[in-house]
């Protein structure tokens, strides 16, 4: 990661307030659950997006990004890479500021489409690890 990328991550994490977590599971042993706990404890307001859940970590779940009634800063993706294109399209439609694809999640064509639409994009990187790095 370049210094410029690292600085951009620092800026987006410092300015973001609302984070939609797509694919958040209510199962405590899933990575999405632990990462989202870190987001909450770091002061972010989280919006779970999972049509198979009603409430996770005390927050109402939404079936789709478009159902969230608040402005979303970061869309954090915990879905397999083949689902990224539709999530990126929805993120662009709702006016999100950034797309964050968790470790193992990559889709360069979708990332490029998001960048062209003005979104900041992180791929194959854990948002919780980046938050921890900046706490030192």
Protein backbone atom coordinates (compact mmCIF):
# COMPACT_ATOMS: atom_id res chain seq x y z
CA UNK A 1 0.00 0.00 0.00
CA UNK A 2 1.33 3.42 -0.92
CA UNK A 3 1.52 6.35 1.47
CA UNK A 4 -1.15 8.13 -0.60
CA UNK A 5 -3.52 5.13 -0.26
CA UNK A 6 -2.80 4.96 3.46
CA UNK A 7 -3.53 8.69 3.82
CA UNK A 8 -6.78 8.30 1.86
CA UNK A 9 -7.87 5.46 4.15
CA UNK A 10 -7.08 7.59 7.20
CA UNK A 11 -9.18 10.45 5.77
CA UNK A 12 -12.21 8.30 4.92
CA UNK A 13 -12.14 6.56 8.31
CA UNK A 14 -11.85 9.93 10.10
CA UNK A 15 -14.70 11.57 8.19
CA UNK A 16 -17.15 8.64 7.96
CA UNK A 17 -20.06 8.35 10.36
CA UNK A 18 -22.47 5.79 8.83
CA UNK A 19 -21.33 2.41 7.56
CA UNK A 20 -23.59 -0.09 5.80
CA UNK A 21 -22.33 -3.64 6.33
CA UNK A 22 -23.57 -5.80 3.45
CA UNK A 23 -23.71 -9.47 4.38
CA UNK A 24 -23.51 -8.92 8.14
CA UNK A 25 -24.31 -12.18 9.92
CA UNK A 26 -25.94 -12.47 13.32
CA UNK A 27 -23.62 -15.41 14.09
CA UNK A 28 -20.92 -14.25 16.54
CA UNK A 29 -18.31 -16.61 15.06
CA UNK A 30 -18.50 -14.97 11.60
CA UNK A 31 -15.87 -12.41 10.64
CA UNK A 32 -18.54 -9.87 9.70
CA UNK A 33 -19.89 -9.92 13.26
CA UNK A 34 -16.51 -9.25 14.91
CA UNK A 35 -15.51 -6.58 12.41
CA UNK A 36 -18.84 -4.81 12.86
CA UNK A 37 -18.42 -4.90 16.65
CA UNK A 38 -15.12 -3.09 16.09
CA UNK A 39 -16.88 -0.50 13.91
CA UNK A 40 -19.52 0.09 16.61
CA UNK A 41 -16.97 0.34 19.42
CA UNK A 42 -14.99 2.81 17.30
CA UNK A 43 -17.97 5.16 17.18
CA UNK A 44 -19.43 4.40 13.76
CA UNK A 45 -23.16 3.96 13.27
CA UNK A 46 -23.72 0.67 11.49
CA UNK A 47 -26.54 -0.35 9.18
CA UNK A 48 -26.71 -4.12 8.66
CA UNK A 49 -27.78 -5.19 5.17
CA UNK A 50 -28.96 -8.80 5.09
CA UNK A 51 -32.44 -9.89 3.98
CA UNK A 52 -32.13 -13.02 6.17
CA UNK A 53 -31.71 -11.13 9.46
CA UNK A 54 -34.04 -8.76 11.32
CA UNK A 55 -31.61 -7.33 13.89
CA UNK A 56 -27.85 -7.71 14.39
CA UNK A 57 -25.75 -6.11 17.14
CA UNK A 58 -28.82 -4.17 18.27
CA UNK A 59 -29.40 -2.57 14.87
CA UNK A 60 -32.32 -3.09 12.49
CA UNK A 61 -31.34 -5.04 9.37
CA UNK A 62 -32.23 -3.80 5.92
CA UNK A 63 -32.87 -6.06 2.93
CA UNK A 64 -31.15 -3.69 0.48
CA UNK A 65 -28.88 -0.64 0.58
CA UNK A 66 -31.70 1.38 -0.99
CA UNK A 67 -33.88 0.69 2.08
CA UNK A 68 -31.56 2.52 4.51
CA UNK A 69 -33.11 5.89 5.46
CA UNK A 70 -29.78 7.59 6.27
CA UNK A 71 -26.86 8.83 4.14
CA UNK A 72 -24.18 6.13 3.97
CA UNK A 73 -20.50 7.04 3.96
CA UNK A 74 -18.93 3.57 3.55
CA UNK A 75 -20.44 0.38 2.15
CA UNK A 76 -18.49 -2.48 3.74
CA UNK A 77 -18.90 -5.68 1.70
CA UNK A 78 -18.91 -9.14 3.33
CA UNK A 79 -20.23 -11.02 0.29
CA UNK A 80 -18.50 -13.20 -2.26
CA UNK A 81 -16.86 -11.35 -5.14
CA UNK A 82 -19.55 -12.42 -7.64
CA UNK A 83 -22.08 -10.29 -5.71
CA UNK A 84 -19.94 -7.14 -5.80
CA UNK A 85 -21.26 -5.70 -9.12
CA UNK A 86 -24.85 -5.37 -7.87
CA UNK A 87 -23.65 -3.97 -4.50
CA UNK A 88 -21.47 -1.38 -6.25
CA UNK A 89 -24.38 -0.37 -8.49
CA UNK A 90 -26.61 0.08 -5.42
CA UNK A 91 -23.84 2.02 -3.63
CA UNK A 92 -23.59 4.42 -6.56
CA UNK A 93 -27.39 4.84 -6.63
CA UNK A 94 -27.56 5.75 -2.92
CA UNK A 95 -24.65 8.18 -3.16
CA UNK A 96 -22.23 6.36 -0.85
CA UNK A 97 -18.77 7.93 -0.54
CA UNK A 98 -16.74 4.71 -0.40
CA UNK A 99 -16.79 0.99 -1.16
CA UNK A 100 -14.81 -1.27 1.16
CA UNK A 101 -14.35 -4.87 0.03
CA UNK A 102 -13.21 -7.07 2.90
CA UNK A 103 -10.28 -9.51 2.71
CA UNK A 104 -10.74 -11.96 -0.14
CA UNK A 105 -13.35 -9.80 -1.88
CA UNK A 106 -12.16 -8.42 -5.23
CA UNK A 107 -13.76 -7.20 -8.41
CA UNK A 108 -11.63 -4.81 -10.44
CA UNK A 109 -14.29 -3.94 -13.08
CA UNK A 110 -16.75 -2.98 -10.32
CA UNK A 111 -14.04 -1.08 -8.45
CA UNK A 112 -13.24 0.89 -11.61
CA UNK A 113 -16.95 1.63 -12.17
CA UNK A 114 -17.21 2.91 -8.58
CA UNK A 115 -14.10 5.09 -9.00
CA UNK A 116 -15.51 6.58 -12.21
CA UNK A 117 -18.67 7.43 -10.23
CA UNK A 118 -16.52 9.28 -7.67
CA UNK A 119 -16.39 6.68 -4.89
CA UNK A 120 -13.26 5.85 -2.93
CA UNK A 121 -12.54 2.11 -3.26
CA UNK A 122 -10.62 -0.32 -1.05
CA UNK A 123 -10.35 -3.96 -2.11
CA UNK A 124 -9.22 -7.10 -0.29
CA UNK A 125 -8.58 -5.30 3.00
CA UNK A 126 -10.09 -5.52 6.49
CA UNK A 127 -11.58 -2.26 7.75
CA UNK A 128 -11.12 -3.37 11.40
CA UNK A 129 -7.39 -3.96 10.87
CA UNK A 130 -7.07 -0.48 9.35
CA UNK A 131 -8.89 1.04 12.34
CA UNK A 132 -6.59 -0.83 14.76
CA UNK A 133 -3.49 0.34 12.86
CA UNK A 134 -4.54 3.94 13.34
CA UNK A 135 -5.11 3.57 17.10
CA UNK A 136 -1.40 3.10 17.80
